[in-house]
Amino acid sequence: MFPLQKYNADYDLSARQGADTLAFMSLLEEKLLPVLVHTFWIDTKNYVEVTRKWYAEAMPFPLNFFLPGRMQRQYMERLQLLSGEHRPEDEEELEKELY
């Protein structure tokens, strides 16, 4: 009837390999994601010089003035949720803790 279609890269993995893949993805989300969020959205110098500029150039006229700031606030909230109540207020301490 229809040929066997493989919809994702994990199709041929064994149960153990699938579990290893999920564990690795979880590790990346837990350890790497907060660092990336901090690097792109929280680090003031990088946000002003790189991230906001990229997004403002890619967005149409009225949106480029307020959406990057809104996105930064959302990512700040997300980082606070990821790091919990023990998030340091000093940016240098937060960076040391994340790295």
PDB file of N, CA and C in Angstrom:
ATOM      1  N   MET A   1       0.824  -1.178   0.000  1.00  0.00           N
ATOM      2  CA  MET A   1       0.000   0.000   0.000  1.00  0.00           C
ATOM      3  C   MET A   1       0.876   1.253   0.000  1.00  0.00           C
ATOM      4  N   PHE A   2       1.178   1.782   1.175  1.00  0.00           N
ATOM      5  CA  PHE A   2       2.044   2.944   1.265  1.00  0.00           C
ATOM      6  C   PHE A   2       3.410   2.510   1.758  1.00  0.00           C
ATOM      7  N   PRO A   3       4.470   3.094   1.239  1.00  0.00           N
ATOM      8  CA  PRO A   3       5.804   2.739   1.755  1.00  0.00           C
ATOM      9  C   PRO A   3       5.963   3.249   3.184  1.00  0.00           C
ATOM     10  N   LEU A   4       6.805   2.580   3.909  1.00  0.00           N
ATOM     11  CA  LEU A   4       7.089   2.974   5.287  1.00  0.00           C
ATOM     12  C   LEU A   4       7.735   4.349   5.284  1.00  0.00           C
ATOM     13  N   GLN A   5       7.126   5.291   6.016  1.00  0.00           N
ATOM     14  CA  GLN A   5       7.653   6.654   6.053  1.00  0.00           C
ATOM     15  C   GLN A   5       8.251   6.920   7.422  1.00  0.00           C
ATOM     16  N   LYS A   6       9.454   7.430   7.413  1.00  0.00           N
ATOM     17  CA  LYS A   6      10.140   7.761   8.655  1.00  0.00           C
ATOM     18  C   LYS A   6       9.989   9.265   8.870  1.00  0.00           C
ATOM     19  N   TYR A   7       9.334   9.647   9.951  1.00  0.00           N
ATOM     20  CA  TYR A   7       9.006  11.048  10.162  1.00  0.00           C
ATOM     21  C   TYR A   7      10.048  11.816  10.961  1.00  0.00           C
ATOM     22  N   ASN A   8      10.909  11.143  11.690  1.00  0.00           N
ATOM     23  CA  ASN A   8      11.923  11.874  12.447  1.00  0.00           C
ATOM     24  C   ASN A   8      13.217  11.067  12.519  1.00  0.00           C
ATOM     25  N   ALA A   9      14.235  11.730  13.019  1.00  0.00           N
ATOM     26  CA  ALA A   9      15.553  11.100  13.071  1.00  0.00           C
ATOM     27  C   ALA A   9      15.632   9.990  14.122  1.00  0.00           C
ATOM     28  N   ASP A  10      14.713   9.974  15.062  1.00  0.00           N
ATOM     29  CA  ASP A  10      14.733   8.978  16.134  1.00  0.00           C
ATOM     30  C   ASP A  10      13.974   7.699  15.778  1.00  0.00           C
ATOM     31  N   TYR A  11      13.487   7.584  14.582  1.00  0.00           N
ATOM     32  CA  TYR A  11      12.639   6.469  14.191  1.00  0.00           C
ATOM     33  C   TYR A  11      13.304   5.114  14.386  1.00  0.00           C
ATOM     34  N   ASP A  12      14.557   4.984  13.982  1.00  0.00           N
ATOM     35  CA  ASP A  12      15.244   3.692  14.036  1.00  0.00           C
ATOM     36  C   ASP A  12      15.989   3.438  15.337  1.00  0.00           C
ATOM     37  N   LEU A  13      15.845   4.301  16.328  1.00  0.00           N
ATOM     38  CA  LEU A  13      16.570   4.121  17.590  1.00  0.00           C
ATOM     39  C   LEU A  13      15.922   3.048  18.452  1.00  0.00           C
ATOM     40  N   SER A  14      16.753   2.378  19.220  1.00  0.00           N
ATOM     41  CA  SER A  14      16.230   1.410  20.188  1.00  0.00           C
ATOM     42  C   SER A  14      15.643   2.175  21.370  1.00  0.00           C
ATOM     43  N   ALA A  15      14.986   1.465  22.266  1.00  0.00           N
ATOM     44  CA  ALA A  15      14.401   2.112  23.446  1.00  0.00           C
ATOM     45  C   ALA A  15      15.492   2.765  24.299  1.00  0.00           C
ATOM     46  N   ARG A  16      16.609   2.103  24.440  1.00  0.00           N
ATOM     47  CA  ARG A  16      17.724   2.665  25.227  1.00  0.00           C
ATOM     48  C   ARG A  16      18.280   3.927  24.567  1.00  0.00           C
ATOM     49  N   GLN A  17      18.457   3.868  23.254  1.00  0.00           N
ATOM     50  CA  GLN A  17      18.966   5.035  22.540  1.00  0.00           C
ATOM     51  C   GLN A  17      17.977   6.199  22.609  1.00  0.00           C
ATOM     52  N   GLY A  18      16.683   5.902  22.529  1.00  0.00           N
ATOM     53  CA  GLY A  18      15.667   6.937  22.661  1.00  0.00           C
ATOM     54  C   GLY A  18      15.694   7.573  24.046  1.00  0.00           C
ATOM     55  N   ALA A  19      15.886   6.747  25.070  1.00  0.00           N
ATOM     56  CA  ALA A  19      15.977   7.269  26.436  1.00  0.00           C
ATOM     57  C   ALA A  19      17.225   8.124  26.608  1.00  0.00           C
ATOM     58  N   ASP A  20      18.330   7.681  26.015  1.00  0.00           N
ATOM     59  CA  ASP A  20      19.560   8.479  26.074  1.00  0.00           C
ATOM     60  C   ASP A  20      19.366   9.826  25.384  1.00  0.00           C
ATOM     61  N   THR A  21      18.676   9.824  24.262  1.00  0.00           N
ATOM     62  CA  THR A  21      18.406  11.065  23.538  1.00  0.00           C
ATOM     63  C   THR A  21      17.574  12.012  24.388  1.00  0.00           C
ATOM     64  N   LEU A  22      16.529  11.510  25.018  1.00  0.00           N
ATOM     65  CA  LEU A  22      15.689  12.344  25.887  1.00  0.00           C
ATOM     66  C   LEU A  22      16.479  12.883  27.077  1.00  0.00           C
ATOM     67  N   ALA A  23      17.337  12.046  27.645  1.00  0.00           N
ATOM     68  CA  ALA A  23      18.151  12.488  28.781  1.00  0.00           C
ATOM     69  C   ALA A  23      19.121  13.588  28.355  1.00  0.00           C
ATOM     70  N   PHE A  24      19.717  13.452  27.189  1.00  0.00           N
ATOM     71  CA  PHE A  24      20.643  14.456  26.689  1.00  0.00           C
ATOM     72  C   PHE A  24      19.912  15.769  26.398  1.00  0.00           C
ATOM     73  N   MET A  25      18.733  15.686  25.810  1.00  0.00           N
ATOM     74  CA  MET A  25      17.943  16.887  25.533  1.00  0.00           C
ATOM     75  C   MET A  25      17.565  17.592  26.832  1.00  0.00           C
ATOM     76  N   SER A  26      17.214  16.822  27.839  1.00  0.00           N
ATOM     77  CA  SER A  26      16.874  17.390  29.139  1.00  0.00           C
ATOM     78  C   SER A  26      18.082  18.082  29.769  1.00  0.00           C
ATOM     79  N   LEU A  27      19.241  17.465  29.662  1.00  0.00           N
ATOM     80  CA  LEU A  27      20.473  18.066  30.180  1.00  0.00           C
ATOM     81  C   LEU A  27      20.760  19.396  29.487  1.00  0.00           C
ATOM     82  N   LEU A  28      20.624  19.422  28.172  1.00  0.00           N
ATOM     83  CA  LEU A  28      20.849  20.667  27.432  1.00  0.00           C
ATOM     84  C   LEU A  28      19.874  21.759  27.859  1.00  0.00           C
ATOM     85  N   GLU A  29      18.603  21.401  28.003  1.00  0.00           N
ATOM     86  CA  GLU A  29      17.610  22.388  28.403  1.00  0.00           C
ATOM     87  C   GLU A  29      17.858  22.898  29.818  1.00  0.00           C
ATOM     88  N   GLU A  30      18.327  22.035  30.692  1.00  0.00           N
ATOM     89  CA  GLU A  30      18.541  22.430  32.078  1.00  0.00           C
ATOM     90  C   GLU A  30      19.818  23.239  32.257  1.00  0.00           C
ATOM     91  N   LYS A  31      20.883  22.883  31.554  1.00  0.00           N
ATOM     92  CA  LYS A  31      22.179  23.527  31.770  1.00  0.00           C
ATOM     93  C   LYS A  31      22.526  24.584  30.721  1.00  0.00           C
ATOM     94  N   LEU A  32      22.232  24.312  29.457  1.00  0.00           N
ATOM     95  CA  LEU A  32      22.646  25.219  28.388  1.00  0.00           C
ATOM     96  C   LEU A  32      21.634  26.337  28.136  1.00  0.00           C
ATOM     97  N   LEU A  33      20.360  26.040  28.213  1.00  0.00           N
ATOM     98  CA  LEU A  33      19.337  27.044  27.924  1.00  0.00           C
ATOM     99  C   LEU A  33      19.444  28.284  28.807  1.00  0.00           C
ATOM    100  N   PRO A  34      19.602  28.154  30.129  1.00  0.00           N
ATOM    101  CA  PRO A  34      19.744  29.374  30.943  1.00  0.00           C
ATOM    102  C   PRO A  34      20.959  30.216  30.547  1.00  0.00           C
ATOM    103  N   VAL A  35      22.043  29.574  30.152  1.00  0.00           N
ATOM    104  CA  VAL A  35      23.235  30.311  29.743  1.00  0.00           C
ATOM    105  C   VAL A  35      22.971  31.055  28.432  1.00  0.00           C
ATOM    106  N   LEU A  36      22.305  30.405  27.491  1.00  0.00           N
ATOM    107  CA  LEU A  36      21.984  31.064  26.233  1.00  0.00           C
ATOM    108  C   LEU A  36      21.020  32.224  26.431  1.00  0.00           C
ATOM    109  N   VAL A  37      20.011  32.031  27.257  1.00  0.00           N
ATOM    110  CA  VAL A  37      19.066  33.112  27.562  1.00  0.00           C
ATOM    111  C   VAL A  37      19.812  34.292  28.176  1.00  0.00           C
ATOM    112  N   HIS A  38      20.697  34.005  29.109  1.00  0.00           N
ATOM    113  CA  HIS A  38      21.473  35.076  29.735  1.00  0.00           C
ATOM    114  C   HIS A  38      22.348  35.784  28.712  1.00  0.00           C
ATOM    115  N   THR A  39      23.033  35.023  27.885  1.00  0.00           N
ATOM    116  CA  THR A  39      23.956  35.607  26.917  1.00  0.00           C
ATOM    117  C   THR A  39      23.244  36.516  25.927  1.00  0.00           C
ATOM    118  N   PHE A  40      22.118  36.078  25.401  1.00  0.00           N
ATOM    119  CA  PHE A  40      21.426  36.860  24.380  1.00  0.00           C
ATOM    120  C   PHE A  40      20.535  37.957  24.953  1.00  0.00           C
ATOM    121  N   TRP A  41      19.863  37.707  26.071  1.00  0.00           N
ATOM    122  CA  TRP A  41      18.812  38.613  26.509  1.00  0.00           C
ATOM    123  C   TRP A  41      19.101  39.367  27.800  1.00  0.00           C
ATOM    124  N   ILE A  42      19.914  38.847  28.688  1.00  0.00           N
ATOM    125  CA  ILE A  42      20.111  39.478  29.997  1.00  0.00           C
ATOM    126  C   ILE A  42      21.401  40.289  30.038  1.00  0.00           C
ATOM    127  N   ASP A  43      22.470  39.771  29.472  1.00  0.00           N
ATOM    128  CA  ASP A  43      23.734  40.494  29.441  1.00  0.00           C
ATOM    129  C   ASP A  43      23.514  41.821  28.712  1.00  0.00           C
ATOM    130  N   THR A  44      23.596  42.925  29.451  1.00  0.00           N
ATOM    131  CA  THR A  44      23.211  44.235  28.940  1.00  0.00           C
ATOM    132  C   THR A  44      23.983  44.617  27.685  1.00  0.00           C
ATOM    133  N   LYS A  45      25.274  44.473  27.718  1.00  0.00           N
ATOM    134  CA  LYS A  45      26.099  44.872  26.574  1.00  0.00           C
ATOM    135  C   LYS A  45      25.735  44.059  25.331  1.00  0.00           C
ATOM    136  N   ASN A  46      25.630  42.756  25.463  1.00  0.00           N
ATOM    137  CA  ASN A  46      25.293  41.906  24.328  1.00  0.00           C
ATOM    138  C   ASN A  46      23.878  42.189  23.826  1.00  0.00           C
ATOM    139  N   TYR A  47      22.937  42.410  24.746  1.00  0.00           N
ATOM    140  CA  TYR A  47      21.560  42.691  24.333  1.00  0.00           C
ATOM    141  C   TYR A  47      21.498  43.976  23.510  1.00  0.00           C
ATOM    142  N   VAL A  48      22.125  45.036  23.988  1.00  0.00           N
ATOM    143  CA  VAL A  48      22.062  46.331  23.302  1.00  0.00           C
ATOM    144  C   VAL A  48      22.804  46.297  21.971  1.00  0.00           C
ATOM    145  N   GLU A  49      23.991  45.716  21.960  1.00  0.00           N
ATOM    146  CA  GLU A  49      24.819  45.761  20.757  1.00  0.00           C
ATOM    147  C   GLU A  49      24.473  44.706  19.709  1.00  0.00           C
ATOM    148  N   VAL A  50      23.919  43.572  20.134  1.00  0.00           N
ATOM    149  CA  VAL A  50      23.709  42.475  19.181  1.00  0.00           C
ATOM    150  C   VAL A  50      22.239  42.067  19.080  1.00  0.00           C
ATOM    151  N   THR A  51      21.690  41.550  20.168  1.00  0.00           N
ATOM    152  CA  THR A  51      20.371  40.913  20.113  1.00  0.00           C
ATOM    153  C   THR A  51      19.280  41.887  19.699  1.00  0.00           C
ATOM    154  N   ARG A  52      19.179  43.017  20.367  1.00  0.00           N
ATOM    155  CA  ARG A  52      18.123  43.984  20.040  1.00  0.00           C
ATOM    156  C   ARG A  52      18.278  44.465  18.602  1.00  0.00           C
ATOM    157  N   LYS A  53      19.508  44.673  18.186  1.00  0.00           N
ATOM    158  CA  LYS A  53      19.780  45.130  16.824  1.00  0.00           C
ATOM    159  C   LYS A  53      19.313  44.100  15.795  1.00  0.00           C
ATOM    160  N   TRP A  54      19.645  42.818  16.027  1.00  0.00           N
ATOM    161  CA  TRP A  54      19.213  41.763  15.105  1.00  0.00           C
ATOM    162  C   TRP A  54      17.696  41.738  14.965  1.00  0.00           C
ATOM    163  N   TYR A  55      17.016  41.711  16.108  1.00  0.00           N
ATOM    164  CA  TYR A  55      15.568  41.607  16.075  1.00  0.00           C
ATOM    165  C   TYR A  55      14.925  42.859  15.504  1.00  0.00           C
ATOM    166  N   ALA A  56      15.452  44.032  15.822  1.00  0.00           N
ATOM    167  CA  ALA A  56      14.885  45.278  15.302  1.00  0.00           C
ATOM    168  C   ALA A  56      15.037  45.358  13.783  1.00  0.00           C
ATOM    169  N   GLU A  57      16.138  44.875  13.257  1.00  0.00           N
ATOM    170  CA  GLU A  57      16.342  44.891  11.806  1.00  0.00           C
ATOM    171  C   GLU A  57      15.442  43.890  11.090  1.00  0.00           C
ATOM    172  N   ALA A  58      15.082  42.810  11.759  1.00  0.00           N
ATOM    173  CA  ALA A  58      14.273  41.763  11.127  1.00  0.00           C
ATOM    174  C   ALA A  58      12.775  42.034  11.215  1.00  0.00           C
ATOM    175  N   MET A  59      12.363  42.926  12.100  1.00  0.00           N
ATOM    176  CA  MET A  59      10.939  43.191  12.316  1.00  0.00           C
ATOM    177  C   MET A  59      10.473  44.396  11.505  1.00  0.00           C
ATOM    178  N   PRO A  60       9.190  44.390  11.137  1.00  0.00           N
ATOM    179  CA  PRO A  60       8.656  45.554  10.421  1.00  0.00           C
ATOM    180  C   PRO A  60       8.572  46.789  11.322  1.00  0.00           C
ATOM    181  N   PHE A  61       8.357  47.945  10.706  1.00  0.00           N
ATOM    182  CA  PHE A  61       8.490  49.252  11.333  1.00  0.00           C
ATOM    183  C   PHE A  61       7.887  49.429  12.722  1.00  0.00           C
ATOM    184  N   PRO A  62       6.623  49.338  12.940  1.00  0.00           N
ATOM    185  CA  PRO A  62       6.203  49.710  14.301  1.00  0.00           C
ATOM    186  C   PRO A  62       6.602  48.683  15.356  1.00  0.00           C
ATOM    187  N   LEU A  63       6.718  47.428  14.956  1.00  0.00           N
ATOM    188  CA  LEU A  63       7.031  46.376  15.926  1.00  0.00           C
ATOM    189  C   LEU A  63       8.466  46.437  16.414  1.00  0.00           C
ATOM    190  N   ASN A  64       9.385  46.934  15.579  1.00  0.00           N
ATOM    191  CA  ASN A  64      10.798  46.918  15.944  1.00  0.00           C
ATOM    192  C   ASN A  64      11.133  47.862  17.096  1.00  0.00           C
ATOM    193  N   PHE A  65      10.192  48.721  17.486  1.00  0.00           N
ATOM    194  CA  PHE A  65      10.457  49.628  18.600  1.00  0.00           C
ATOM    195  C   PHE A  65      10.132  49.025  19.956  1.00  0.00           C
ATOM    196  N   PHE A  66       9.147  48.140  20.030  1.00  0.00           N
ATOM    197  CA  PHE A  66       8.756  47.645  21.351  1.00  0.00           C
ATOM    198  C   PHE A  66       8.846  46.137  21.529  1.00  0.00           C
ATOM    199  N   LEU A  67       8.840  45.362  20.464  1.00  0.00           N
ATOM    200  CA  LEU A  67       8.886  43.903  20.631  1.00  0.00           C
ATOM    201  C   LEU A  67      10.205  43.379  21.200  1.00  0.00           C
ATOM    202  N   PRO A  68      11.372  43.876  20.788  1.00  0.00           N
ATOM    203  CA  PRO A  68      12.601  43.361  21.417  1.00  0.00           C
ATOM    204  C   PRO A  68      12.625  43.576  22.937  1.00  0.00           C
ATOM    205  N   GLY A  69      12.150  44.720  23.416  1.00  0.00           N
ATOM    206  CA  GLY A  69      12.092  44.963  24.860  1.00  0.00           C
ATOM    207  C   GLY A  69      11.121  44.030  25.555  1.00  0.00           C
ATOM    208  N   ARG A  70       9.985  43.784  24.922  1.00  0.00           N
ATOM    209  CA  ARG A  70       8.997  42.861  25.485  1.00  0.00           C
ATOM    210  C   ARG A  70       9.569  41.443  25.536  1.00  0.00           C
ATOM    211  N   MET A  71      10.277  41.061  24.480  1.00  0.00           N
ATOM    212  CA  MET A  71      10.885  39.734  24.449  1.00  0.00           C
ATOM    213  C   MET A  71      11.945  39.612  25.535  1.00  0.00           C
ATOM    214  N   GLN A  72      12.715  40.669  25.766  1.00  0.00           N
ATOM    215  CA  GLN A  72      13.728  40.645  26.815  1.00  0.00           C
ATOM    216  C   GLN A  72      13.075  40.440  28.187  1.00  0.00           C
ATOM    217  N   ARG A  73      11.993  41.133  28.454  1.00  0.00           N
ATOM    218  CA  ARG A  73      11.301  40.967  29.742  1.00  0.00           C
ATOM    219  C   ARG A  73      10.768  39.545  29.901  1.00  0.00           C
ATOM    220  N   GLN A  74      10.242  38.962  28.819  1.00  0.00           N
ATOM    221  CA  GLN A  74       9.753  37.587  28.884  1.00  0.00           C
ATOM    222  C   GLN A  74      10.893  36.609  29.172  1.00  0.00           C
ATOM    223  N   TYR A  75      12.031  36.815  28.538  1.00  0.00           N
ATOM    224  CA  TYR A  75      13.167  35.942  28.788  1.00  0.00           C
ATOM    225  C   TYR A  75      13.737  36.144  30.187  1.00  0.00           C
ATOM    226  N   MET A  76      13.672  37.359  30.706  1.00  0.00           N
ATOM    227  CA  MET A  76      14.118  37.601  32.085  1.00  0.00           C
ATOM    228  C   MET A  76      13.232  36.820  33.053  1.00  0.00           C
ATOM    229  N   GLU A  77      11.914  36.840  32.814  1.00  0.00           N
ATOM    230  CA  GLU A  77      10.995  36.070  33.649  1.00  0.00           C
ATOM    231  C   GLU A  77      11.272  34.576  33.516  1.00  0.00           C
ATOM    232  N   ARG A  78      11.527  34.135  32.294  1.00  0.00           N
ATOM    233  CA  ARG A  78      11.808  32.713  32.068  1.00  0.00           C
ATOM    234  C   ARG A  78      13.069  32.284  32.804  1.00  0.00           C
ATOM    235  N   LEU A  79      14.119  33.118  32.742  1.00  0.00           N
ATOM    236  CA  LEU A  79      15.357  32.794  33.440  1.00  0.00           C
ATOM    237  C   LEU A  79      15.137  32.757  34.945  1.00  0.00           C
ATOM    238  N   GLN A  80      14.307  33.661  35.436  1.00  0.00           N
ATOM    239  CA  GLN A  80      14.013  33.661  36.869  1.00  0.00           C
ATOM    240  C   GLN A  80      13.290  32.379  37.261  1.00  0.00           C
ATOM    241  N   LEU A  81      12.385  31.906  36.417  1.00  0.00           N
ATOM    242  CA  LEU A  81      11.702  30.643  36.692  1.00  0.00           C
ATOM    243  C   LEU A  81      12.673  29.471  36.636  1.00  0.00           C
ATOM    244  N   LEU A  82      13.596  29.501  35.683  1.00  0.00           N
ATOM    245  CA  LEU A  82      14.560  28.410  35.550  1.00  0.00           C
ATOM    246  C   LEU A  82      15.553  28.376  36.705  1.00  0.00           C
ATOM    247  N   SER A  83      15.968  29.551  37.168  1.00  0.00           N
ATOM    248  CA  SER A  83      16.969  29.583  38.237  1.00  0.00           C
ATOM    249  C   SER A  83      16.341  29.571  39.623  1.00  0.00           C
ATOM    250  N   GLY A  84      15.051  29.782  39.712  1.00  0.00           N
ATOM    251  CA  GLY A  84      14.366  29.716  40.997  1.00  0.00           C
ATOM    252  C   GLY A  84      14.510  30.986  41.811  1.00  0.00           C
ATOM    253  N   GLU A  85      14.210  30.868  43.090  1.00  0.00           N
ATOM    254  CA  GLU A  85      14.215  32.008  43.993  1.00  0.00           C
ATOM    255  C   GLU A  85      15.611  32.474  44.361  1.00  0.00           C
ATOM    256  N   HIS A  86      16.629  31.677  44.075  1.00  0.00           N
ATOM    257  CA  HIS A  86      17.990  31.997  44.500  1.00  0.00           C
ATOM    258  C   HIS A  86      18.752  32.808  43.462  1.00  0.00           C
ATOM    259  N   ARG A  87      18.037  33.464  42.585  1.00  0.00           N
ATOM    260  CA  ARG A  87      18.696  34.225  41.518  1.00  0.00           C
ATOM    261  C   ARG A  87      19.363  35.471  42.094  1.00  0.00           C
ATOM    262  N   PRO A  88      20.675  35.602  41.884  1.00  0.00           N
ATOM    263  CA  PRO A  88      21.381  36.799  42.374  1.00  0.00           C
ATOM    264  C   PRO A  88      20.956  38.039  41.597  1.00  0.00           C
ATOM    265  N   GLU A  89      20.892  39.173  42.282  1.00  0.00           N
ATOM    266  CA  GLU A  89      20.510  40.421  41.637  1.00  0.00           C
ATOM    267  C   GLU A  89      21.671  41.010  40.832  1.00  0.00           C
ATOM    268  N   ASP A  90      22.888  40.807  41.289  1.00  0.00           N
ATOM    269  CA  ASP A  90      24.060  41.323  40.599  1.00  0.00           C
ATOM    270  C   ASP A  90      24.290  40.502  39.333  1.00  0.00           C
ATOM    271  N   GLU A  91      24.456  41.182  38.211  1.00  0.00           N
ATOM    272  CA  GLU A  91      24.609  40.495  36.930  1.00  0.00           C
ATOM    273  C   GLU A  91      25.867  39.640  36.881  1.00  0.00           C
ATOM    274  N   GLU A  92      26.957  40.107  37.512  1.00  0.00           N
ATOM    275  CA  GLU A  92      28.194  39.317  37.513  1.00  0.00           C
ATOM    276  C   GLU A  92      28.037  38.038  38.317  1.00  0.00           C
ATOM    277  N   GLU A  93      27.350  38.113  39.460  1.00  0.00           N
ATOM    278  CA  GLU A  93      27.121  36.905  40.263  1.00  0.00           C
ATOM    279  C   GLU A  93      26.239  35.917  39.524  1.00  0.00           C
ATOM    280  N   LEU A  94      25.215  36.417  38.835  1.00  0.00           N
ATOM    281  CA  LEU A  94      24.332  35.548  38.059  1.00  0.00           C
ATOM    282  C   LEU A  94      25.125  34.850  36.955  1.00  0.00           C
ATOM    283  N   GLU A  95      25.963  35.612  36.283  1.00  0.00           N
ATOM    284  CA  GLU A  95      26.775  35.020  35.209  1.00  0.00           C
ATOM    285  C   GLU A  95      27.706  33.938  35.756  1.00  0.00           C
ATOM    286  N   LYS A  96      28.361  34.191  36.886  1.00  0.00           N
ATOM    287  CA  LYS A  96      29.241  33.187  37.496  1.00  0.00           C
ATOM    288  C   LYS A  96      28.459  31.929  37.858  1.00  0.00           C
ATOM    289  N   GLU A  97      27.273  32.129  38.424  1.00  0.00           N
ATOM    290  CA  GLU A  97      26.448  30.974  38.823  1.00  0.00           C
ATOM    291  C   GLU A  97      26.033  30.144  37.616  1.00  0.00           C
ATOM    292  N   LEU A  98      25.655  30.811  36.533  1.00  0.00           N
ATOM    293  CA  LEU A  98      25.208  30.084  35.344  1.00  0.00           C
ATOM    294  C   LEU A  98      26.357  29.348  34.678  1.00  0.00           C
ATOM    295  N   TYR A  99      27.502  29.988  34.566  1.00  0.00           N
ATOM    296  CA  TYR A  99      28.630  29.356  33.877  1.00  0.00           C
ATOM    297  C   TYR A  99      29.299  28.334  34.769  1.00  0.00           C
TER     298      TYR A  99
END
